Protein backbone atom coordinates (compact mmCIF):
# COMPACT_ATOMS: atom_id res chain seq x y z
CA UNK A 1 -0.14 -0.01 -0.06
CA UNK A 2 1.14 3.73 -0.53
CA UNK A 3 0.60 6.86 1.09
CA UNK A 4 -2.42 8.59 -0.57
CA UNK A 5 -0.85 12.03 -0.25
CA UNK A 6 2.95 11.40 -1.20
CA UNK A 7 2.86 8.28 -2.94
CA UNK A 8 5.57 6.69 -0.72
CA UNK A 9 5.03 2.84 0.16
CA UNK A 10 4.14 2.86 3.80
CA UNK A 11 5.37 -0.79 4.10
CA UNK A 12 8.76 0.56 3.87
CA UNK A 13 8.47 4.33 5.23
CA UNK A 14 6.16 7.03 6.22
CA UNK A 15 6.01 10.91 4.98
CA UNK A 16 6.47 12.98 7.97
CA UNK A 17 4.02 15.49 6.51
CA UNK A 18 1.64 12.53 6.18
CA UNK A 19 2.24 10.55 9.23
CA UNK A 20 -0.44 12.37 11.64
CA UNK A 21 -3.07 11.42 9.19
CA UNK A 22 -2.03 7.65 9.36
CA UNK A 23 -1.97 6.73 13.30
CA UNK A 24 -4.23 3.75 12.96
CA UNK A 25 -1.72 2.32 10.40
CA UNK A 26 1.29 3.41 12.18
CA UNK A 27 0.00 1.78 15.51
CA UNK A 28 -0.74 -1.62 13.56
CA UNK A 29 2.87 -1.52 12.37
CA UNK A 30 3.94 -1.21 16.13
CA UNK A 31 5.42 2.49 15.61
CA UNK A 32 3.29 4.13 17.99
CA UNK A 33 1.70 3.70 21.23
CA UNK A 34 -1.33 5.78 22.28
CA UNK A 35 -2.46 8.50 19.93
CA UNK A 36 -0.50 10.57 17.42
CA UNK A 37 2.99 10.68 16.13
CA UNK A 38 5.47 10.83 18.87
CA UNK A 39 8.10 13.71 17.80
CA UNK A 40 10.81 15.86 19.41
CA UNK A 41 10.83 13.98 22.57
CA UNK A 42 13.77 14.92 24.72
CA UNK A 43 13.75 11.91 26.84
CA UNK A 44 15.73 9.45 24.76
CA UNK A 45 18.37 8.55 27.53
CA UNK A 46 21.13 9.03 25.10
CA UNK A 47 23.89 11.45 25.53
CA UNK A 48 26.78 10.42 23.23
CA UNK A 49 26.51 8.94 19.75
CA UNK A 50 28.86 7.05 18.00
CA UNK A 51 29.00 6.71 13.90
CA UNK A 52 31.19 4.29 12.25
CA UNK A 53 31.94 5.45 8.90
CA UNK A 54 32.36 9.00 7.33
CA UNK A 55 30.65 8.67 3.85
CA UNK A 56 27.44 10.43 2.93
CA UNK A 57 25.39 8.53 5.24
CA UNK A 58 27.52 8.38 8.06
CA UNK A 59 28.31 12.11 8.14
CA UNK A 60 24.43 12.70 7.51
CA UNK A 61 23.65 10.68 10.83
CA UNK A 62 26.11 12.49 12.63
CA UNK A 63 24.96 15.70 11.81
CA UNK A 64 21.56 15.14 12.48
CA UNK A 65 22.49 13.64 15.68
CA UNK A 66 24.49 16.82 16.63
CA UNK A 67 21.86 19.58 15.39
CA UNK A 68 18.75 18.00 16.15
CA UNK A 69 19.17 15.44 19.38
CA UNK A 70 21.91 17.76 20.51
CA UNK A 71 24.29 14.79 21.43
CA UNK A 72 27.88 14.51 21.55
CA UNK A 73 28.97 12.65 18.42
CA UNK A 74 32.12 10.58 17.86
CA UNK A 75 32.54 9.88 13.92
CA UNK A 76 34.83 7.27 13.15
CA UNK A 77 36.91 6.29 10.21
CA UNK A 78 40.09 4.60 9.26
CA UNK A 79 40.38 6.92 6.31
CA UNK A 80 41.84 10.31 7.57
CA UNK A 81 40.58 12.15 4.18
CA UNK A 82 37.42 10.60 4.48
CA UNK A 83 37.11 12.50 8.12
CA UNK A 84 38.09 15.60 6.62
CA UNK A 85 35.61 15.53 4.00
CA UNK A 86 32.94 14.64 6.33
CA UNK A 87 34.06 17.66 8.54
CA UNK A 88 34.09 20.08 5.63
CA UNK A 89 30.66 18.81 4.19
CA UNK A 90 28.91 19.52 7.57
CA UNK A 91 30.58 22.93 7.79
CA UNK A 92 29.14 23.69 4.36
CA UNK A 93 25.83 22.43 4.95
CA UNK A 94 25.53 24.14 8.26
CA UNK A 95 26.57 27.40 6.72
CA UNK A 96 24.05 27.33 3.80
CA UNK A 97 21.48 26.58 6.66
CA UNK A 98 22.60 29.79 8.28
CA UNK A 99 22.35 31.68 4.95
CA UNK A 100 18.82 30.59 4.64
CA UNK A 101 17.92 31.62 8.17
CA UNK A 102 17.00 27.89 9.36
CA UNK A 103 19.53 27.92 12.10
CA UNK A 104 21.73 30.78 13.54
CA UNK A 105 25.41 31.00 13.70
CA UNK A 106 25.40 30.34 17.18
CA UNK A 107 23.46 26.99 16.68
CA UNK A 108 26.11 26.00 13.72
CA UNK A 109 28.93 26.53 15.93
CA UNK A 110 27.28 24.65 18.93
CA UNK A 111 26.61 21.73 16.30
CA UNK A 112 30.20 21.48 15.19
CA UNK A 113 31.37 21.61 18.83
CA UNK A 114 29.45 18.73 19.46
CA UNK A 115 31.15 16.47 16.91
CA UNK A 116 34.75 15.03 17.07
CA UNK A 117 36.53 12.77 14.35
CA UNK A 118 38.27 9.62 15.46
CA UNK A 119 40.41 7.13 13.67
CA UNK A 120 40.63 4.68 16.33
CA UNK A 121 37.47 2.78 16.81
CA UNK A 122 38.04 2.08 20.59
CA UNK A 123 37.44 5.61 21.20
CA UNK A 124 33.79 4.84 20.69
CA UNK A 125 33.88 2.44 23.63
CA UNK A 126 31.94 4.66 26.29
CA UNK A 127 29.16 5.89 23.89
CA UNK A 128 25.54 5.05 24.81
CA UNK A 129 24.45 4.21 21.21
CA UNK A 130 26.46 3.31 17.98
CA UNK A 131 25.17 3.82 14.29
CA UNK A 132 27.30 1.56 12.04
CA UNK A 133 27.62 3.13 8.24
CA UNK A 134 30.29 1.31 6.51
CA UNK A 135 30.43 -0.06 3.19
CA UNK A 136 27.52 -2.64 2.53
CA UNK A 137 29.91 -5.59 2.76
CA UNK A 138 29.25 -8.44 5.17
CA UNK A 139 32.99 -8.99 6.01
CA UNK A 140 33.40 -5.48 6.90
CA UNK A 141 30.28 -4.89 8.73
CA UNK A 142 30.42 -7.85 10.89
CA UNK A 143 34.10 -7.25 12.08
CA UNK A 144 32.83 -4.01 13.11
CA UNK A 145 30.02 -5.37 15.08
CA UNK A 146 32.34 -7.80 16.68
CA UNK A 147 34.91 -5.13 17.74
CA UNK A 148 32.12 -2.92 18.95
CA UNK A 149 30.73 -5.77 20.98
CA UNK A 150 34.12 -6.05 22.87
CA UNK A 151 34.75 -2.67 23.07
CA UNK A 152 31.19 -1.10 24.34
CA UNK A 153 29.43 -1.58 27.31
CA UNK A 154 26.77 -4.16 28.14
CA UNK A 155 23.83 -1.58 27.56
CA UNK A 156 25.28 0.09 24.51
CA UNK A 157 22.91 -0.46 21.65
CA UNK A 158 24.57 -1.36 18.17
CA UNK A 159 22.69 -0.07 15.16
CA UNK A 160 23.19 -0.83 11.64
CA UNK A 161 22.30 1.17 8.71
CA UNK A 162 22.45 -1.72 6.50
CA UNK A 163 19.94 -1.77 3.58
CA UNK A 164 20.55 -5.38 2.34
CA UNK A 165 22.18 -7.47 5.19
CA UNK A 166 20.01 -9.34 8.05
CA UNK A 167 19.81 -7.66 11.28
CA UNK A 168 19.37 -11.02 12.83
CA UNK A 169 22.72 -12.26 11.20
CA UNK A 170 24.44 -9.35 12.31
CA UNK A 171 23.39 -9.71 15.78
CA UNK A 172 24.84 -13.25 15.76
CA UNK A 173 28.09 -12.08 15.42
CA UNK A 174 27.87 -10.51 18.91
CA UNK A 175 27.07 -11.40 22.51
CA UNK A 176 24.31 -8.94 22.88
CA UNK A 177 21.80 -9.70 19.87
CA UNK A 178 18.99 -8.36 21.97
CA UNK A 179 20.87 -4.99 21.83
CA UNK A 180 21.32 -4.98 17.88
CA UNK A 181 19.00 -3.17 15.90
CA UNK A 182 18.53 -1.99 12.28
CA UNK A 183 18.39 1.71 11.73
CA UNK A 184 18.14 2.71 8.11
CA UNK A 185 18.11 6.16 7.43
CA UNK A 186 17.09 7.43 4.05
CA UNK A 187 19.41 9.49 1.82
CA UNK A 188 20.12 12.18 2.00
CA UNK A 189 19.71 12.25 5.45
CA UNK A 190 19.66 15.79 6.73
CA UNK A 191 16.71 16.42 4.06
CA UNK A 192 15.03 13.06 4.27
CA UNK A 193 12.99 13.02 7.65
CA UNK A 194 12.84 9.01 7.53
CA UNK A 195 14.33 6.34 9.39
CA UNK A 196 13.33 2.70 9.60
CA UNK A 197 14.27 0.67 12.77
CA UNK A 198 13.73 -3.24 12.90
CA UNK A 199 14.90 -5.68 15.51
CA UNK A 200 16.27 -9.05 14.71
CA UNK A 201 14.70 -12.50 15.07
CA UNK A 202 13.68 -13.54 17.78
CA UNK A 203 12.89 -9.61 18.86
CA UNK A 204 14.71 -8.10 21.95
CA UNK A 205 14.35 -9.76 25.09
CA UNK A 206 15.06 -6.45 27.03
CA UNK A 207 12.96 -3.18 26.77
CA UNK A 208 12.85 -1.94 23.25
CA UNK A 209 11.79 1.47 24.10
CA UNK A 210 15.18 3.28 23.47
CA UNK A 211 15.20 2.77 19.56
CA UNK A 212 11.75 3.99 19.47
CA UNK A 213 11.98 7.04 21.66
CA UNK A 214 15.55 8.08 20.67
CA UNK A 215 14.80 8.99 16.87
CA UNK A 216 12.17 11.56 17.31
CA UNK A 217 14.59 14.17 18.56
CA UNK A 218 16.37 13.92 15.25
CA UNK A 219 13.16 15.02 13.63
CA UNK A 220 12.81 11.54 12.22
CA UNK A 221 9.79 9.75 11.52
CA UNK A 222 10.40 6.00 12.80
CA UNK A 223 8.10 3.13 11.20
CA UNK A 224 9.19 -0.17 13.31
CA UNK A 225 9.26 -3.33 10.92
CA UNK A 226 10.10 -6.78 11.06
CA UNK A 227 13.57 -7.63 10.06
CA UNK A 228 14.01 -7.98 6.13
CA UNK A 229 16.80 -9.31 4.17
CA UNK A 230 16.61 -6.10 1.97
CA UNK A 231 14.69 -2.90 1.41
CA UNK A 232 14.05 -0.14 -1.00
CA UNK A 233 16.89 2.26 0.02
CA UNK A 234 15.56 5.50 -1.07
CA UNK A 235 12.10 7.30 -1.25
CA UNK A 236 12.05 8.01 -4.81
CA UNK A 237 12.32 3.87 -5.52
CA UNK A 238 9.16 3.53 -3.59
CA UNK A 239 7.10 5.74 -6.09
CA UNK A 240 5.08 4.27 -8.76
């Protein structure tokens, strides 16, 4: 089925401008509890975010986390030039937002101050939440998850931005399968207010409220879905 307003496939994502008109559908998908769309909650319990990968997706996720959720962000990449490019892109995009009066100079400065760039993955050990956004290769992602599992505290949630790899399979590489989720942001992240989160199979045994309450401060609309082997990676490909 598709949204009658924006034409986006509601099985995959939800248009933010239309979400308020689809509370019944969203509740049936498990994305909402109660009435209405939960957005801009500040009680997400996350103070530090780690992002692995400084490409377009990783940079966008880090920027939205620093700008909207206002959390401290650590961006990790083994490529120094990649980190420099990420930092430069953030600065340019925020400058453009200032020129359009979307944010102030102070908000730009505060956002950039919240982001740090690191080459050593061990720097992410103390974070509350990690989103992996490296290349879409099983060998690379599984290694990242195994390393993060060994580094991070037992309550740290490990998320993956994968669009084609099973979350159940990724979770199986760790000792915390109940703290591993799929968290697929749509490209371009700073523009499209969409994120799809999913749990593996079997679903988490510990409370799963964190991934549901955490994305809204980013001004994302989070439809919850069952784990899928792959999904449509862009909103454009969901249109007829």
